[in-house]
Amino acid sequence: MEGPFVKLAMPLVLGSRSPRRVELLASVGVPVIGRPCDVDESPLPEEEPRAYVERIVLAKLRAALQGAQQRPDGRHAVLVADTTVTIDGHILGKPEDGLEAAAMLTRLAGRSHEVLTCYGLAVTGSSAADPGLSGAAEDRVVRTVATRVTMRALSAAEIGRYVASGEPFGKAGAYAIQGLGALLIERIDGSYSGVVGLPLCEVAADLARLGVAESGDREQGP
């Protein structure tokens, strides 16, 4: 019997409400404990997209660590993330209604845009668990992974049908590449799982680097 490719050395708490992130981690055999943390995700005036996702992730990481320190369940790691779609230097968040979803898709259609997913990872009981800590830490990671996505040209009727499916709602940029939105995408350059919501290759490497997990060749059983 083969063991898990990524074997956790301690519990991993996911500070997110996203079922997609839970599914991504489960797809590579990484179990998580869900403890969503809520922060204000409103962009600041004229805030750059990369600065935005990194600010939100740091806020989520502080909130997740504060929550973890209040629970007497031993040492564990926390993982948080945020994904945004950006085009022409503008942040495209989650559409409020069908009109906004259609406007976002019209803007993206026939063009390339960038998907930024930033994640934060830290271990409780370490210096990184100080919610006020700033700057680099050996026991904390905040990393942004960028993927270039090209959407095919879309007619108004196609956009209308996609919006009517309901899939754009709750999705940054008004589409889901892992669903019907796959039919809209011609090409991606970068991390597919990063577009979905969590860049698994990079996350697995950082889990290993911080000692949260052991990864490598699996032993083959009979």
C-alpha atoms as a PDB file:
ATOM      1  CA  MET A   1       0.000   0.000   0.000  1.00  0.00           C
ATOM      2  CA  GLU A   2       1.363   3.411  -0.935  1.00  0.00           C
ATOM      3  CA  GLY A   3       1.520   6.134   1.690  1.00  0.00           C
ATOM      4  CA  PRO A   4       0.511   9.748   1.073  1.00  0.00           C
ATOM      5  CA  PHE A   5       2.876  11.747  -1.126  1.00  0.00           C
ATOM      6  CA  VAL A   6       2.639  14.659   1.327  1.00  0.00           C
ATOM      7  CA  LYS A   7       2.660  13.400   4.910  1.00  0.00           C
ATOM      8  CA  LEU A   8       1.783  15.996   7.518  1.00  0.00           C
ATOM      9  CA  ALA A   9       3.932  16.200  10.637  1.00  0.00           C
ATOM     10  CA  MET A  10       1.266  18.234  12.457  1.00  0.00           C
ATOM     11  CA  PRO A  11      -2.368  19.262  11.898  1.00  0.00           C
ATOM     12  CA  LEU A  12      -2.945  21.843   9.175  1.00  0.00           C
ATOM     13  CA  VAL A  13      -5.640  24.455   9.737  1.00  0.00           C
ATOM     14  CA  LEU A  14      -7.101  26.094   6.638  1.00  0.00           C
ATOM     15  CA  GLY A  15      -8.387  29.594   7.356  1.00  0.00           C
ATOM     16  CA  SER A  16     -10.710  29.716   4.352  1.00  0.00           C
ATOM     17  CA  ARG A  17     -14.363  29.182   3.449  1.00  0.00           C
ATOM     18  CA  SER A  18     -13.422  28.074  -0.066  1.00  0.00           C
ATOM     19  CA  PRO A  19     -14.504  24.494  -0.847  1.00  0.00           C
ATOM     20  CA  ARG A  20     -12.192  24.629  -3.866  1.00  0.00           C
ATOM     21  CA  ARG A  21      -9.113  24.980  -1.654  1.00  0.00           C
ATOM     22  CA  VAL A  22     -10.243  22.074   0.515  1.00  0.00           C
ATOM     23  CA  GLU A  23     -10.797  19.970  -2.626  1.00  0.00           C
ATOM     24  CA  LEU A  24      -7.403  20.899  -4.083  1.00  0.00           C
ATOM     25  CA  LEU A  25      -5.572  19.867  -0.922  1.00  0.00           C
ATOM     26  CA  ALA A  26      -7.639  16.689  -0.614  1.00  0.00           C
ATOM     27  CA  SER A  27      -6.768  15.809  -4.226  1.00  0.00           C
ATOM     28  CA  VAL A  28      -3.122  15.419  -3.199  1.00  0.00           C
ATOM     29  CA  GLY A  29      -3.922  13.697   0.086  1.00  0.00           C
ATOM     30  CA  VAL A  30      -3.547  16.659   2.438  1.00  0.00           C
ATOM     31  CA  PRO A  31      -6.255  16.756   5.140  1.00  0.00           C
ATOM     32  CA  VAL A  32      -7.134  20.090   6.711  1.00  0.00           C
ATOM     33  CA  ILE A  33      -9.111  21.422   9.644  1.00  0.00           C
ATOM     34  CA  GLY A  34     -11.411  24.192   8.450  1.00  0.00           C
ATOM     35  CA  ARG A  35     -11.470  27.311  10.610  1.00  0.00           C
ATOM     36  CA  PRO A  36     -12.481  30.245   8.374  1.00  0.00           C
ATOM     37  CA  CYS A  37     -11.244  33.685   9.338  1.00  0.00           C
ATOM     38  CA  ASP A  38     -13.029  36.830   8.250  1.00  0.00           C
ATOM     39  CA  VAL A  39     -11.234  40.035   7.245  1.00  0.00           C
ATOM     40  CA  ASP A  40     -12.275  43.084   5.254  1.00  0.00           C
ATOM     41  CA  GLU A  41     -11.265  42.306   1.660  1.00  0.00           C
ATOM     42  CA  SER A  42     -12.053  45.732   0.210  1.00  0.00           C
ATOM     43  CA  PRO A  43      -9.215  47.113  -1.954  1.00  0.00           C
ATOM     44  CA  LEU A  44      -7.663  50.405  -0.898  1.00  0.00           C
ATOM     45  CA  PRO A  45      -7.864  53.355  -3.316  1.00  0.00           C
ATOM     46  CA  GLU A  46      -5.403  52.863  -6.210  1.00  0.00           C
ATOM     47  CA  GLU A  47      -3.974  49.744  -4.565  1.00  0.00           C
ATOM     48  CA  GLU A  48      -1.835  47.569  -6.851  1.00  0.00           C
ATOM     49  CA  PRO A  49      -3.190  44.010  -7.327  1.00  0.00           C
ATOM     50  CA  ARG A  50      -0.110  42.258  -5.913  1.00  0.00           C
ATOM     51  CA  ALA A  51       0.021  44.587  -2.918  1.00  0.00           C
ATOM     52  CA  TYR A  52      -3.689  43.957  -2.405  1.00  0.00           C
ATOM     53  CA  VAL A  53      -3.526  40.139  -2.259  1.00  0.00           C
ATOM     54  CA  GLU A  54      -0.451  40.217  -0.022  1.00  0.00           C
ATOM     55  CA  ARG A  55      -2.090  42.670   2.387  1.00  0.00           C
ATOM     56  CA  ILE A  56      -5.235  40.537   2.584  1.00  0.00           C
ATOM     57  CA  VAL A  57      -3.251  37.350   3.159  1.00  0.00           C
ATOM     58  CA  LEU A  58      -1.204  38.935   5.949  1.00  0.00           C
ATOM     59  CA  ALA A  59      -4.457  40.053   7.593  1.00  0.00           C
ATOM     60  CA  LYS A  60      -5.904  36.546   7.247  1.00  0.00           C
ATOM     61  CA  LEU A  61      -2.704  34.995   8.599  1.00  0.00           C
ATOM     62  CA  ARG A  62      -2.757  37.221  11.679  1.00  0.00           C
ATOM     63  CA  ALA A  63      -6.435  36.410  12.270  1.00  0.00           C
ATOM     64  CA  ALA A  64      -5.849  32.668  11.812  1.00  0.00           C
ATOM     65  CA  LEU A  65      -2.890  32.692  14.203  1.00  0.00           C
ATOM     66  CA  GLN A  66      -4.820  34.658  16.803  1.00  0.00           C
ATOM     67  CA  GLY A  67      -7.605  32.100  16.618  1.00  0.00           C
ATOM     68  CA  ALA A  68      -5.158  29.206  16.790  1.00  0.00           C
ATOM     69  CA  GLN A  69      -3.467  30.553  19.917  1.00  0.00           C
ATOM     70  CA  GLN A  70      -6.800  30.509  21.735  1.00  0.00           C
ATOM     71  CA  ARG A  71      -7.254  26.758  21.187  1.00  0.00           C
ATOM     72  CA  PRO A  72      -5.463  24.302  23.519  1.00  0.00           C
ATOM     73  CA  ASP A  73      -5.042  21.606  20.880  1.00  0.00           C
ATOM     74  CA  GLY A  74      -1.307  21.540  20.462  1.00  0.00           C
ATOM     75  CA  ARG A  75       1.156  22.815  17.862  1.00  0.00           C
ATOM     76  CA  HIS A  76      -0.105  23.029  14.305  1.00  0.00           C
ATOM     77  CA  ALA A  77       0.234  25.013  11.098  1.00  0.00           C
ATOM     78  CA  VAL A  78      -2.165  27.501   9.557  1.00  0.00           C
ATOM     79  CA  LEU A  79      -2.691  28.148   5.857  1.00  0.00           C
ATOM     80  CA  VAL A  80      -4.604  31.061   4.334  1.00  0.00           C
ATOM     81  CA  ALA A  81      -4.936  32.330   0.768  1.00  0.00           C
ATOM     82  CA  ASP A  82      -6.526  34.919  -1.465  1.00  0.00           C
ATOM     83  CA  THR A  83      -7.023  34.977  -5.237  1.00  0.00           C
ATOM     84  CA  THR A  84      -7.673  37.940  -7.478  1.00  0.00           C
ATOM     85  CA  VAL A  85      -7.973  38.522 -11.207  1.00  0.00           C
ATOM     86  CA  THR A  86      -6.270  41.559 -12.674  1.00  0.00           C
ATOM     87  CA  ILE A  87      -6.313  43.200 -16.094  1.00  0.00           C
ATOM     88  CA  ASP A  88      -4.981  46.606 -17.129  1.00  0.00           C
ATOM     89  CA  GLY A  89      -3.753  47.065 -13.560  1.00  0.00           C
ATOM     90  CA  HIS A  90      -7.291  46.774 -12.158  1.00  0.00           C
ATOM     91  CA  ILE A  91      -8.568  44.256  -9.616  1.00  0.00           C
ATOM     92  CA  LEU A  92     -11.592  42.202 -10.642  1.00  0.00           C
ATOM     93  CA  GLY A  93     -13.234  40.809  -7.539  1.00  0.00           C
ATOM     94  CA  LYS A  94     -16.395  38.760  -7.159  1.00  0.00           C
ATOM     95  CA  PRO A  95     -19.356  40.183  -9.103  1.00  0.00           C
ATOM     96  CA  GLU A  96     -22.233  41.604  -7.109  1.00  0.00           C
ATOM     97  CA  ASP A  97     -24.847  40.803  -9.755  1.00  0.00           C
ATOM     98  CA  GLY A  98     -25.378  39.620 -13.320  1.00  0.00           C
ATOM     99  CA  LEU A  99     -24.642  42.999 -14.845  1.00  0.00           C
ATOM    100  CA  GLU A 100     -21.275  43.221 -13.119  1.00  0.00           C
ATOM    101  CA  ALA A 101     -20.456  39.614 -14.044  1.00  0.00           C
ATOM    102  CA  ALA A 102     -21.263  40.303 -17.703  1.00  0.00           C
ATOM    103  CA  ALA A 103     -19.150  43.474 -17.626  1.00  0.00           C
ATOM    104  CA  MET A 104     -16.158  41.579 -16.225  1.00  0.00           C
ATOM    105  CA  LEU A 105     -16.447  38.812 -18.806  1.00  0.00           C
ATOM    106  CA  THR A 106     -16.797  41.345 -21.616  1.00  0.00           C
ATOM    107  CA  ARG A 107     -13.587  42.981 -20.436  1.00  0.00           C
ATOM    108  CA  LEU A 108     -11.713  39.664 -20.264  1.00  0.00           C
ATOM    109  CA  ALA A 109     -13.018  38.145 -23.511  1.00  0.00           C
ATOM    110  CA  GLY A 110     -10.465  37.815 -26.302  1.00  0.00           C
ATOM    111  CA  ARG A 111      -7.616  38.983 -24.079  1.00  0.00           C
ATOM    112  CA  SER A 112      -5.011  37.770 -21.614  1.00  0.00           C
ATOM    113  CA  HIS A 113      -5.172  38.615 -17.947  1.00  0.00           C
ATOM    114  CA  GLU A 114      -3.337  37.628 -14.777  1.00  0.00           C
ATOM    115  CA  VAL A 115      -4.555  35.566 -11.846  1.00  0.00           C
ATOM    116  CA  LEU A 116      -2.708  36.206  -8.587  1.00  0.00           C
ATOM    117  CA  THR A 117      -3.007  33.752  -5.726  1.00  0.00           C
ATOM    118  CA  CYS A 118      -1.171  34.664  -2.559  1.00  0.00           C
ATOM    119  CA  TYR A 119      -0.956  32.246   0.346  1.00  0.00           C
ATOM    120  CA  GLY A 120       0.388  32.486   3.865  1.00  0.00           C
ATOM    121  CA  LEU A 121       1.682  29.605   5.950  1.00  0.00           C
ATOM    122  CA  ALA A 122       2.918  29.662   9.549  1.00  0.00           C
ATOM    123  CA  VAL A 123       3.389  27.351  12.511  1.00  0.00           C
ATOM    124  CA  THR A 124       1.880  28.080  15.919  1.00  0.00           C
ATOM    125  CA  GLY A 125       4.270  28.371  18.819  1.00  0.00           C
ATOM    126  CA  SER A 126       6.894  30.036  16.605  1.00  0.00           C
ATOM    127  CA  SER A 127       7.997  33.640  16.183  1.00  0.00           C
ATOM    128  CA  ALA A 128       5.720  33.804  13.136  1.00  0.00           C
ATOM    129  CA  ALA A 129       2.749  33.314  15.465  1.00  0.00           C
ATOM    130  CA  ASP A 130       3.184  36.873  16.726  1.00  0.00           C
ATOM    131  CA  PRO A 131       0.241  38.631  14.993  1.00  0.00           C
ATOM    132  CA  GLY A 132       2.149  41.901  14.948  1.00  0.00           C
ATOM    133  CA  LEU A 133       5.251  40.477  13.284  1.00  0.00           C
ATOM    134  CA  SER A 134       6.308  42.156  10.057  1.00  0.00           C
ATOM    135  CA  GLY A 135       9.028  41.350   7.584  1.00  0.00           C
ATOM    136  CA  ALA A 136      10.559  37.989   6.745  1.00  0.00           C
ATOM    137  CA  ALA A 137      10.548  35.038   9.114  1.00  0.00           C
ATOM    138  CA  GLU A 138      12.174  31.627   8.823  1.00  0.00           C
ATOM    139  CA  ASP A 139       9.019  29.944  10.089  1.00  0.00           C
ATOM    140  CA  ARG A 140       6.529  31.810   7.955  1.00  0.00           C
ATOM    141  CA  VAL A 141       5.871  32.020   4.218  1.00  0.00           C
ATOM    142  CA  VAL A 142       3.875  34.589   2.283  1.00  0.00           C
ATOM    143  CA  ARG A 143       4.122  33.861  -1.432  1.00  0.00           C
ATOM    144  CA  THR A 144       2.312  35.151  -4.510  1.00  0.00           C
ATOM    145  CA  VAL A 145       2.018  32.978  -7.616  1.00  0.00           C
ATOM    146  CA  ALA A 146       0.999  34.631 -10.886  1.00  0.00           C
ATOM    147  CA  THR A 147      -0.585  32.818 -13.836  1.00  0.00           C
ATOM    148  CA  ARG A 148      -1.353  34.314 -17.227  1.00  0.00           C
ATOM    149  CA  VAL A 149      -4.750  33.269 -18.582  1.00  0.00           C
ATOM    150  CA  THR A 150      -6.067  33.881 -22.103  1.00  0.00           C
ATOM    151  CA  MET A 151      -9.814  33.885 -22.644  1.00  0.00           C
ATOM    152  CA  ARG A 152     -11.257  33.324 -26.109  1.00  0.00           C
ATOM    153  CA  ALA A 153     -13.471  35.869 -27.815  1.00  0.00           C
ATOM    154  CA  LEU A 154     -17.061  35.631 -26.571  1.00  0.00           C
ATOM    155  CA  SER A 155     -20.332  36.819 -28.037  1.00  0.00           C
ATOM    156  CA  ALA A 156     -22.852  38.682 -25.906  1.00  0.00           C
ATOM    157  CA  ALA A 157     -25.117  35.632 -26.109  1.00  0.00           C
ATOM    158  CA  GLU A 158     -22.372  33.330 -24.795  1.00  0.00           C
ATOM    159  CA  ILE A 159     -21.665  35.698 -21.925  1.00  0.00           C
ATOM    160  CA  GLY A 160     -25.369  35.864 -21.136  1.00  0.00           C
ATOM    161  CA  ARG A 161     -25.689  32.070 -21.044  1.00  0.00           C
ATOM    162  CA  TYR A 162     -22.658  31.717 -18.810  1.00  0.00           C
ATOM    163  CA  VAL A 163     -23.920  34.357 -16.395  1.00  0.00           C
ATOM    164  CA  ALA A 164     -27.331  32.643 -16.356  1.00  0.00           C
ATOM    165  CA  SER A 165     -25.631  29.397 -15.273  1.00  0.00           C
ATOM    166  CA  GLY A 166     -24.855  31.069 -11.944  1.00  0.00           C
ATOM    167  CA  GLU A 167     -21.236  29.936 -11.989  1.00  0.00           C
ATOM    168  CA  PRO A 168     -19.673  33.430 -12.128  1.00  0.00           C
ATOM    169  CA  PHE A 169     -21.007  34.396  -8.706  1.00  0.00           C
ATOM    170  CA  GLY A 170     -18.580  34.041  -5.829  1.00  0.00           C
ATOM    171  CA  LYS A 171     -15.677  33.793  -8.283  1.00  0.00           C
ATOM    172  CA  ALA A 172     -12.971  36.407  -8.756  1.00  0.00           C
ATOM    173  CA  GLY A 173     -13.155  37.678 -12.330  1.00  0.00           C
ATOM    174  CA  ALA A 174     -16.617  36.077 -12.763  1.00  0.00           C
ATOM    175  CA  TYR A 175     -15.451  32.681 -14.014  1.00  0.00           C
ATOM    176  CA  ALA A 176     -14.410  29.269 -12.713  1.00  0.00           C
ATOM    177  CA  ILE A 177     -11.735  27.524 -14.768  1.00  0.00           C
ATOM    178  CA  GLN A 178     -12.531  24.211 -13.060  1.00  0.00           C
ATOM    179  CA  GLY A 179     -16.182  24.342 -14.186  1.00  0.00           C
ATOM    180  CA  LEU A 180     -18.067  25.585 -17.219  1.00  0.00           C
ATOM    181  CA  GLY A 181     -15.522  28.381 -17.376  1.00  0.00           C
ATOM    182  CA  ALA A 182     -13.041  25.880 -18.819  1.00  0.00           C
ATOM    183  CA  LEU A 183     -14.904  26.318 -22.112  1.00  0.00           C
ATOM    184  CA  LEU A 184     -13.939  30.003 -22.136  1.00  0.00           C
ATOM    185  CA  ILE A 185     -10.188  29.576 -21.638  1.00  0.00           C
ATOM    186  CA  GLU A 186      -7.826  29.128 -24.589  1.00  0.00           C
ATOM    187  CA  ARG A 187      -4.524  29.018 -22.719  1.00  0.00           C
ATOM    188  CA  ILE A 188      -2.865  29.304 -19.337  1.00  0.00           C
ATOM    189  CA  ASP A 189       0.785  30.004 -18.619  1.00  0.00           C
ATOM    190  CA  GLY A 190       1.584  29.074 -15.040  1.00  0.00           C
ATOM    191  CA  SER A 191      -0.186  27.224 -12.257  1.00  0.00           C
ATOM    192  CA  TYR A 192      -3.605  25.754 -13.063  1.00  0.00           C
ATOM    193  CA  SER A 193      -4.314  25.021  -9.397  1.00  0.00           C
ATOM    194  CA  GLY A 194      -3.275  28.591  -8.617  1.00  0.00           C
ATOM    195  CA  VAL A 195      -6.065  29.817 -10.875  1.00  0.00           C
ATOM    196  CA  VAL A 196      -8.513  27.519  -9.076  1.00  0.00           C
ATOM    197  CA  GLY A 197      -7.427  28.942  -5.727  1.00  0.00           C
ATOM    198  CA  LEU A 198      -4.193  27.410  -4.390  1.00  0.00           C
ATOM    199  CA  PRO A 199      -0.879  26.673  -6.195  1.00  0.00           C
ATOM    200  CA  LEU A 200      -0.312  23.116  -4.974  1.00  0.00           C
ATOM    201  CA  CYS A 201       3.274  22.685  -6.172  1.00  0.00           C
ATOM    202  CA  GLU A 202       4.488  25.748  -4.292  1.00  0.00           C
ATOM    203  CA  VAL A 203       2.360  25.058  -1.203  1.00  0.00           C
ATOM    204  CA  ALA A 204       3.670  21.479  -0.921  1.00  0.00           C
ATOM    205  CA  ALA A 205       7.263  22.715  -1.175  1.00  0.00           C
ATOM    206  CA  ASP A 206       6.699  25.290   1.567  1.00  0.00           C
ATOM    207  CA  LEU A 207       4.936  22.760   3.807  1.00  0.00           C
ATOM    208  CA  ALA A 208       8.065  20.627   3.571  1.00  0.00           C
ATOM    209  CA  ARG A 209      10.444  23.558   4.014  1.00  0.00           C
ATOM    210  CA  LEU A 210       8.764  24.649   7.249  1.00  0.00           C
ATOM    211  CA  GLY A 211       8.655  21.114   8.599  1.00  0.00           C
ATOM    212  CA  VAL A 212       4.866  20.912   8.424  1.00  0.00           C
ATOM    213  CA  ALA A 213       5.068  17.969   6.036  1.00  0.00           C
ATOM    214  CA  GLU A 214       7.505  15.438   4.678  1.00  0.00           C
ATOM    215  CA  SER A 215       7.331  15.000   0.920  1.00  0.00           C
ATOM    216  CA  GLY A 216       9.319  12.987  -1.579  1.00  0.00           C
ATOM    217  CA  ASP A 217       9.410   9.534  -3.104  1.00  0.00           C
ATOM    218  CA  ARG A 218       6.847   7.131  -1.749  1.00  0.00           C
ATOM    219  CA  GLU A 219       7.791   3.680  -0.627  1.00  0.00           C
ATOM    220  CA  GLN A 220       6.162   1.036  -2.755  1.00  0.00           C
ATOM    221  CA  GLY A 221       4.335  -1.748  -0.945  1.00  0.00           C
ATOM    222  CA  PRO A 222       3.791  -5.278  -2.199  1.00  0.00           C
END
